[in-house]
Amino acid sequence: MSEGATVAKGTQEKKRGFFSRIVLFFKQVVDELRKVVWPTRNDLWTYFVVVVVFIVAIMAFTGVLDVAFDRLVMWALG
């Protein structure tokens, strides 16, 4: 273990209360959310279109496979 981790661990010897830990958690969440680089409206629209096109392509591929296997089973058992 590094010295920095030992020092940091030593400074946190004092136990926090239940509600104090909850408040600290939400403060840390807000601090992390401030660091997030949010997409622009244009980026968001582009991501949305990419996801919808990908889903439609997967649905079409699955549908083609379903029809092909249906025909194959109907021919084999038919």
PDB file of N, CA and C in Angstrom:
ATOM      1  N   MET A   1       0.849  -1.172   0.000  1.00  0.00           N
ATOM      2  CA  MET A   1       0.000   0.000   0.000  1.00  0.00           C
ATOM      3  C   MET A   1       0.893   1.232   0.000  1.00  0.00           C
ATOM      4  N   SER A   2       0.501   2.256  -0.698  1.00  0.00           N
ATOM      5  CA  SER A   2       1.311   3.460  -0.801  1.00  0.00           C
ATOM      6  C   SER A   2       1.152   4.324   0.438  1.00  0.00           C
ATOM      7  N   GLU A   3       2.104   5.255   0.609  1.00  0.00           N
ATOM      8  CA  GLU A   3       2.043   6.150   1.754  1.00  0.00           C
ATOM      9  C   GLU A   3       0.809   7.046   1.712  1.00  0.00           C
ATOM     10  N   GLY A   4       0.462   7.509   0.506  1.00  0.00           N
ATOM     11  CA  GLY A   4      -0.694   8.391   0.361  1.00  0.00           C
ATOM     12  C   GLY A   4      -1.972   7.727   0.825  1.00  0.00           C
ATOM     13  N   ALA A   5      -2.119   6.437   0.511  1.00  0.00           N
ATOM     14  CA  ALA A   5      -3.315   5.714   0.931  1.00  0.00           C
ATOM     15  C   ALA A   5      -3.331   5.550   2.447  1.00  0.00           C
ATOM     16  N   THR A   6      -2.161   5.332   3.032  1.00  0.00           N
ATOM     17  CA  THR A   6      -2.089   5.177   4.484  1.00  0.00           C
ATOM     18  C   THR A   6      -2.432   6.484   5.176  1.00  0.00           C
ATOM     19  N   VAL A   7      -1.900   7.579   4.658  1.00  0.00           N
ATOM     20  CA  VAL A   7      -2.180   8.886   5.249  1.00  0.00           C
ATOM     21  C   VAL A   7      -3.664   9.204   5.120  1.00  0.00           C
ATOM     22  N   ALA A   8      -4.223   8.958   3.937  1.00  0.00           N
ATOM     23  CA  ALA A   8      -5.641   9.246   3.729  1.00  0.00           C
ATOM     24  C   ALA A   8      -6.496   8.379   4.640  1.00  0.00           C
ATOM     25  N   LYS A   9      -6.088   7.134   4.830  1.00  0.00           N
ATOM     26  CA  LYS A   9      -6.850   6.245   5.691  1.00  0.00           C
ATOM     27  C   LYS A   9      -6.769   6.712   7.146  1.00  0.00           C
ATOM     28  N   GLY A  10      -5.592   7.194   7.530  1.00  0.00           N
ATOM     29  CA  GLY A  10      -5.404   7.660   8.896  1.00  0.00           C
ATOM     30  C   GLY A  10      -6.223   8.896   9.204  1.00  0.00           C
ATOM     31  N   THR A  11      -6.474   9.732   8.216  1.00  0.00           N
ATOM     32  CA  THR A  11      -7.236  10.953   8.456  1.00  0.00           C
ATOM     33  C   THR A  11      -8.727  10.681   8.550  1.00  0.00           C
ATOM     34  N   GLN A  12      -9.164   9.507   8.071  1.00  0.00           N
ATOM     35  CA  GLN A  12     -10.584   9.186   8.104  1.00  0.00           C
ATOM     36  C   GLN A  12     -10.939   8.295   9.296  1.00  0.00           C
ATOM     37  N   GLU A  13     -10.086   8.295  10.316  1.00  0.00           N
ATOM     38  CA  GLU A  13     -10.333   7.490  11.508  1.00  0.00           C
ATOM     39  C   GLU A  13     -11.648   7.883  12.172  1.00  0.00           C
ATOM     40  N   LYS A  14     -11.980   9.190  12.137  1.00  0.00           N
ATOM     41  CA  LYS A  14     -13.204   9.670  12.764  1.00  0.00           C
ATOM     42  C   LYS A  14     -14.409   9.131  12.010  1.00  0.00           C
ATOM     43  N   LYS A  15     -15.291   8.460  12.715  1.00  0.00           N
ATOM     44  CA  LYS A  15     -16.473   7.856  12.093  1.00  0.00           C
ATOM     45  C   LYS A  15     -17.545   8.926  11.909  1.00  0.00           C
ATOM     46  N   ARG A  16     -18.104   8.987  10.718  1.00  0.00           N
ATOM     47  CA  ARG A  16     -19.169   9.947  10.439  1.00  0.00           C
ATOM     48  C   ARG A  16     -20.505   9.332  10.804  1.00  0.00           C
ATOM     49  N   GLY A  17     -21.475  10.186  11.091  1.00  0.00           N
ATOM     50  CA  GLY A  17     -22.819   9.723  11.384  1.00  0.00           C
ATOM     51  C   GLY A  17     -23.539   9.287  10.119  1.00  0.00           C
ATOM     52  N   PHE A  18     -24.655   8.613  10.288  1.00  0.00           N
ATOM     53  CA  PHE A  18     -25.416   8.076   9.162  1.00  0.00           C
ATOM     54  C   PHE A  18     -25.856   9.178   8.209  1.00  0.00           C
ATOM     55  N   PHE A  19     -26.480  10.217   8.727  1.00  0.00           N
ATOM     56  CA  PHE A  19     -26.981  11.292   7.868  1.00  0.00           C
ATOM     57  C   PHE A  19     -25.839  12.113   7.288  1.00  0.00           C
ATOM     58  N   SER A  20     -24.752  12.226   8.025  1.00  0.00           N
ATOM     59  CA  SER A  20     -23.582  12.947   7.525  1.00  0.00           C
ATOM     60  C   SER A  20     -22.992  12.226   6.313  1.00  0.00           C
ATOM     61  N   ARG A  21     -22.990  10.892   6.345  1.00  0.00           N
ATOM     62  CA  ARG A  21     -22.492  10.125   5.201  1.00  0.00           C
ATOM     63  C   ARG A  21     -23.406  10.269   3.992  1.00  0.00           C
ATOM     64  N   ILE A  22     -24.711  10.331   4.230  1.00  0.00           N
ATOM     65  CA  ILE A  22     -25.659  10.508   3.123  1.00  0.00           C
ATOM     66  C   ILE A  22     -25.457  11.879   2.472  1.00  0.00           C
ATOM     67  N   VAL A  23     -25.316  12.906   3.284  1.00  0.00           N
ATOM     68  CA  VAL A  23     -25.088  14.260   2.760  1.00  0.00           C
ATOM     69  C   VAL A  23     -23.767  14.305   1.986  1.00  0.00           C
ATOM     70  N   LEU A  24     -22.729  13.681   2.530  1.00  0.00           N
ATOM     71  CA  LEU A  24     -21.436  13.641   1.848  1.00  0.00           C
ATOM     72  C   LEU A  24     -21.562  12.936   0.504  1.00  0.00           C
ATOM     73  N   PHE A  25     -22.315  11.831   0.463  1.00  0.00           N
ATOM     74  CA  PHE A  25     -22.517  11.094  -0.782  1.00  0.00           C
ATOM     75  C   PHE A  25     -23.155  11.987  -1.838  1.00  0.00           C
ATOM     76  N   PHE A  26     -24.224  12.693  -1.482  1.00  0.00           N
ATOM     77  CA  PHE A  26     -24.900  13.540  -2.470  1.00  0.00           C
ATOM     78  C   PHE A  26     -24.034  14.721  -2.897  1.00  0.00           C
ATOM     79  N   LYS A  27     -23.220  15.254  -1.989  1.00  0.00           N
ATOM     80  CA  LYS A  27     -22.289  16.319  -2.372  1.00  0.00           C
ATOM     81  C   LYS A  27     -21.283  15.800  -3.387  1.00  0.00           C
ATOM     82  N   GLN A  28     -20.795  14.582  -3.177  1.00  0.00           N
ATOM     83  CA  GLN A  28     -19.840  14.003  -4.108  1.00  0.00           C
ATOM     84  C   GLN A  28     -20.494  13.705  -5.451  1.00  0.00           C
ATOM     85  N   VAL A  29     -21.755  13.280  -5.442  1.00  0.00           N
ATOM     86  CA  VAL A  29     -22.480  13.030  -6.691  1.00  0.00           C
ATOM     87  C   VAL A  29     -22.602  14.325  -7.491  1.00  0.00           C
ATOM     88  N   VAL A  30     -22.985  15.405  -6.825  1.00  0.00           N
ATOM     89  CA  VAL A  30     -23.128  16.696  -7.502  1.00  0.00           C
ATOM     90  C   VAL A  30     -21.773  17.156  -8.050  1.00  0.00           C
ATOM     91  N   ASP A  31     -20.704  16.970  -7.273  1.00  0.00           N
ATOM     92  CA  ASP A  31     -19.369  17.348  -7.755  1.00  0.00           C
ATOM     93  C   ASP A  31     -18.974  16.566  -8.998  1.00  0.00           C
ATOM     94  N   GLU A  32     -19.283  15.267  -9.025  1.00  0.00           N
ATOM     95  CA  GLU A  32     -18.958  14.453 -10.197  1.00  0.00           C
ATOM     96  C   GLU A  32     -19.803  14.857 -11.401  1.00  0.00           C
ATOM     97  N   LEU A  33     -21.071  15.186 -11.185  1.00  0.00           N
ATOM     98  CA  LEU A  33     -21.933  15.597 -12.294  1.00  0.00           C
ATOM     99  C   LEU A  33     -21.481  16.918 -12.901  1.00  0.00           C
ATOM    100  N   ARG A  34     -20.850  17.756 -12.099  1.00  0.00           N
ATOM    101  CA  ARG A  34     -20.327  19.019 -12.640  1.00  0.00           C
ATOM    102  C   ARG A  34     -19.152  18.771 -13.585  1.00  0.00           C
ATOM    103  N   LYS A  35     -18.462  17.636 -13.421  1.00  0.00           N
ATOM    104  CA  LYS A  35     -17.319  17.306 -14.276  1.00  0.00           C
ATOM    105  C   LYS A  35     -17.747  16.711 -15.615  1.00  0.00           C
ATOM    106  N   VAL A  36     -19.000  16.297 -15.718  1.00  0.00           N
ATOM    107  CA  VAL A  36     -19.477  15.630 -16.926  1.00  0.00           C
ATOM    108  C   VAL A  36     -19.529  16.612 -18.084  1.00  0.00           C
ATOM    109  N   VAL A  37     -19.066  16.153 -19.252  1.00  0.00           N
ATOM    110  CA  VAL A  37     -19.176  16.953 -20.471  1.00  0.00           C
ATOM    111  C   VAL A  37     -20.470  16.513 -21.150  1.00  0.00           C
ATOM    112  N   TRP A  38     -21.495  17.342 -21.052  1.00  0.00           N
ATOM    113  CA  TRP A  38     -22.808  16.991 -21.586  1.00  0.00           C
ATOM    114  C   TRP A  38     -22.821  17.188 -23.091  1.00  0.00           C
ATOM    115  N   PRO A  39     -23.491  16.296 -23.829  1.00  0.00           N
ATOM    116  CA  PRO A  39     -23.542  16.441 -25.290  1.00  0.00           C
ATOM    117  C   PRO A  39     -24.407  17.636 -25.697  1.00  0.00           C
ATOM    118  N   THR A  40     -24.075  18.193 -26.849  1.00  0.00           N
ATOM    119  CA  THR A  40     -24.886  19.293 -27.373  1.00  0.00           C
ATOM    120  C   THR A  40     -26.173  18.712 -27.966  1.00  0.00           C
ATOM    121  N   ARG A  41     -27.089  19.583 -28.301  1.00  0.00           N
ATOM    122  CA  ARG A  41     -28.358  19.133 -28.891  1.00  0.00           C
ATOM    123  C   ARG A  41     -28.104  18.401 -30.212  1.00  0.00           C
ATOM    124  N   ASN A  42     -27.149  18.897 -30.988  1.00  0.00           N
ATOM    125  CA  ASN A  42     -26.810  18.274 -32.262  1.00  0.00           C
ATOM    126  C   ASN A  42     -26.207  16.876 -32.045  1.00  0.00           C
ATOM    127  N   ASP A  43     -25.299  16.762 -31.081  1.00  0.00           N
ATOM    128  CA  ASP A  43     -24.715  15.454 -30.758  1.00  0.00           C
ATOM    129  C   ASP A  43     -25.787  14.480 -30.301  1.00  0.00           C
ATOM    130  N   LEU A  44     -26.693  14.952 -29.466  1.00  0.00           N
ATOM    131  CA  LEU A  44     -27.761  14.104 -28.941  1.00  0.00           C
ATOM    132  C   LEU A  44     -28.653  13.597 -30.070  1.00  0.00           C
ATOM    133  N   TRP A  45     -28.972  14.463 -31.011  1.00  0.00           N
ATOM    134  CA  TRP A  45     -29.806  14.061 -32.146  1.00  0.00           C
ATOM    135  C   TRP A  45     -29.077  13.014 -32.992  1.00  0.00           C
ATOM    136  N   THR A  46     -27.779  13.205 -33.201  1.00  0.00           N
ATOM    137  CA  THR A  46     -26.983  12.252 -33.976  1.00  0.00           C
ATOM    138  C   THR A  46     -26.963  10.888 -33.285  1.00  0.00           C
ATOM    139  N   TYR A  47     -26.735  10.862 -31.984  1.00  0.00           N
ATOM    140  CA  TYR A  47     -26.721   9.601 -31.235  1.00  0.00           C
ATOM    141  C   TYR A  47     -28.075   8.910 -31.315  1.00  0.00           C
ATOM    142  N   PHE A  48     -29.137   9.691 -31.205  1.00  0.00           N
ATOM    143  CA  PHE A  48     -30.491   9.137 -31.276  1.00  0.00           C
ATOM    144  C   PHE A  48     -30.725   8.455 -32.628  1.00  0.00           C
ATOM    145  N   VAL A  49     -30.358   9.131 -33.706  1.00  0.00           N
ATOM    146  CA  VAL A  49     -30.557   8.574 -35.053  1.00  0.00           C
ATOM    147  C   VAL A  49     -29.724   7.307 -35.233  1.00  0.00           C
ATOM    148  N   VAL A  50     -28.484   7.309 -34.758  1.00  0.00           N
ATOM    149  CA  VAL A  50     -27.628   6.128 -34.876  1.00  0.00           C
ATOM    150  C   VAL A  50     -28.249   4.946 -34.143  1.00  0.00           C
ATOM    151  N   VAL A  51     -28.749   5.160 -32.947  1.00  0.00           N
ATOM    152  CA  VAL A  51     -29.348   4.076 -32.165  1.00  0.00           C
ATOM    153  C   VAL A  51     -30.603   3.548 -32.849  1.00  0.00           C
ATOM    154  N   VAL A  52     -31.459   4.434 -33.348  1.00  0.00           N
ATOM    155  CA  VAL A  52     -32.694   3.991 -34.007  1.00  0.00           C
ATOM    156  C   VAL A  52     -32.369   3.207 -35.273  1.00  0.00           C
ATOM    157  N   VAL A  53     -31.421   3.670 -36.070  1.00  0.00           N
ATOM    158  CA  VAL A  53     -31.040   2.953 -37.294  1.00  0.00           C
ATOM    159  C   VAL A  53     -30.472   1.580 -36.943  1.00  0.00           C
ATOM    160  N   PHE A  54     -29.644   1.507 -35.934  1.00  0.00           N
ATOM    161  CA  PHE A  54     -29.074   0.231 -35.516  1.00  0.00           C
ATOM    162  C   PHE A  54     -30.167  -0.733 -35.056  1.00  0.00           C
ATOM    163  N   ILE A  55     -31.116  -0.255 -34.284  1.00  0.00           N
ATOM    164  CA  ILE A  55     -32.211  -1.111 -33.807  1.00  0.00           C
ATOM    165  C   ILE A  55     -33.060  -1.611 -34.973  1.00  0.00           C
ATOM    166  N   VAL A  56     -33.368  -0.739 -35.922  1.00  0.00           N
ATOM    167  CA  VAL A  56     -34.154  -1.151 -37.096  1.00  0.00           C
ATOM    168  C   VAL A  56     -33.384  -2.194 -37.907  1.00  0.00           C
ATOM    169  N   ALA A  57     -32.072  -2.016 -38.052  1.00  0.00           N
ATOM    170  CA  ALA A  57     -31.264  -2.988 -38.794  1.00  0.00           C
ATOM    171  C   ALA A  57     -31.263  -4.346 -38.096  1.00  0.00           C
ATOM    172  N   ILE A  58     -31.117  -4.355 -36.799  1.00  0.00           N
ATOM    173  CA  ILE A  58     -31.142  -5.619 -36.044  1.00  0.00           C
ATOM    174  C   ILE A  58     -32.517  -6.269 -36.136  1.00  0.00           C
ATOM    175  N   MET A  59     -33.584  -5.471 -36.069  1.00  0.00           N
ATOM    176  CA  MET A  59     -34.939  -6.017 -36.204  1.00  0.00           C
ATOM    177  C   MET A  59     -35.130  -6.640 -37.584  1.00  0.00           C
ATOM    178  N   ALA A  60     -34.648  -5.989 -38.630  1.00  0.00           N
ATOM    179  CA  ALA A  60     -34.776  -6.527 -39.984  1.00  0.00           C
ATOM    180  C   ALA A  60     -33.988  -7.822 -40.127  1.00  0.00           C
ATOM    181  N   PHE A  61     -32.768  -7.849 -39.608  1.00  0.00           N
ATOM    182  CA  PHE A  61     -31.943  -9.044 -39.665  1.00  0.00           C
ATOM    183  C   PHE A  61     -32.617 -10.208 -38.936  1.00  0.00           C
ATOM    184  N   THR A  62     -33.151  -9.942 -37.743  1.00  0.00           N
ATOM    185  CA  THR A  62     -33.842 -10.976 -36.976  1.00  0.00           C
ATOM    186  C   THR A  62     -35.096 -11.437 -37.701  1.00  0.00           C
ATOM    187  N   GLY A  63     -35.816 -10.527 -38.311  1.00  0.00           N
ATOM    188  CA  GLY A  63     -37.016 -10.898 -39.062  1.00  0.00           C
ATOM    189  C   GLY A  63     -36.701 -11.776 -40.256  1.00  0.00           C
ATOM    190  N   VAL A  64     -35.629 -11.445 -40.981  1.00  0.00           N
ATOM    191  CA  VAL A  64     -35.219 -12.256 -42.133  1.00  0.00           C
ATOM    192  C   VAL A  64     -34.824 -13.658 -41.667  1.00  0.00           C
ATOM    193  N   LEU A  65     -34.059 -13.744 -40.578  1.00  0.00           N
ATOM    194  CA  LEU A  65     -33.691 -15.061 -40.050  1.00  0.00           C
ATOM    195  C   LEU A  65     -34.923 -15.852 -39.614  1.00  0.00           C
ATOM    196  N   ASP A  66     -35.883 -15.181 -38.993  1.00  0.00           N
ATOM    197  CA  ASP A  66     -37.105 -15.842 -38.545  1.00  0.00           C
ATOM    198  C   ASP A  66     -37.870 -16.427 -39.733  1.00  0.00           C
ATOM    199  N   VAL A  67     -38.033 -15.644 -40.782  1.00  0.00           N
ATOM    200  CA  VAL A  67     -38.744 -16.118 -41.973  1.00  0.00           C
ATOM    201  C   VAL A  67     -37.978 -17.271 -42.620  1.00  0.00           C
ATOM    202  N   ALA A  68     -36.660 -17.151 -42.705  1.00  0.00           N
ATOM    203  CA  ALA A  68     -35.849 -18.199 -43.335  1.00  0.00           C
ATOM    204  C   ALA A  68     -35.957 -19.515 -42.553  1.00  0.00           C
ATOM    205  N   PHE A  69     -35.833 -19.452 -41.243  1.00  0.00           N
ATOM    206  CA  PHE A  69     -35.935 -20.671 -40.448  1.00  0.00           C
ATOM    207  C   PHE A  69     -37.357 -21.232 -40.466  1.00  0.00           C
ATOM    208  N   ASP A  70     -38.350 -20.351 -40.522  1.00  0.00           N
ATOM    209  CA  ASP A  70     -39.738 -20.813 -40.612  1.00  0.00           C
ATOM    210  C   ASP A  70     -39.941 -21.610 -41.900  1.00  0.00           C
ATOM    211  N   ARG A  71     -39.464 -21.053 -43.002  1.00  0.00           N
ATOM    212  CA  ARG A  71     -39.601 -21.755 -44.295  1.00  0.00           C
ATOM    213  C   ARG A  71     -38.836 -23.079 -44.276  1.00  0.00           C
ATOM    214  N   LEU A  72     -37.644 -23.073 -43.678  1.00  0.00           N
ATOM    215  CA  LEU A  72     -36.833 -24.275 -43.609  1.00  0.00           C
ATOM    216  C   LEU A  72     -37.519 -25.373 -42.787  1.00  0.00           C
ATOM    217  N   VAL A  73     -38.074 -25.004 -41.650  1.00  0.00           N
ATOM    218  CA  VAL A  73     -38.770 -25.979 -40.801  1.00  0.00           C
ATOM    219  C   VAL A  73     -40.040 -26.457 -41.480  1.00  0.00           C
ATOM    220  N   MET A  74     -40.777 -25.565 -42.099  1.00  0.00           N
ATOM    221  CA  MET A  74     -42.010 -25.979 -42.787  1.00  0.00           C
ATOM    222  C   MET A  74     -41.697 -26.906 -43.962  1.00  0.00           C
ATOM    223  N   TRP A  75     -40.567 -26.663 -44.655  1.00  0.00           N
ATOM    224  CA  TRP A  75     -40.186 -27.535 -45.760  1.00  0.00           C
ATOM    225  C   TRP A  75     -39.762 -28.913 -45.242  1.00  0.00           C
ATOM    226  N   ALA A  76     -38.990 -28.904 -44.096  1.00  0.00           N
ATOM    227  CA  ALA A  76     -38.486 -30.175 -43.559  1.00  0.00           C
ATOM    228  C   ALA A  76     -39.611 -31.011 -42.943  1.00  0.00           C
ATOM    229  N   LEU A  77     -40.543 -30.367 -42.280  1.00  0.00           N
ATOM    230  CA  LEU A  77     -41.606 -31.110 -41.588  1.00  0.00           C
ATOM    231  C   LEU A  77     -42.889 -31.180 -42.390  1.00  0.00           C
ATOM    232  N   GLY A  78     -42.940 -30.423 -43.427  1.00  0.00           N
ATOM    233  CA  GLY A  78     -44.087 -30.170 -44.104  1.00  0.00           C
ATOM    234  C   GLY A  78     -44.936 -30.903 -44.956  1.00  0.00           C
TER     235      GLY A  78
END
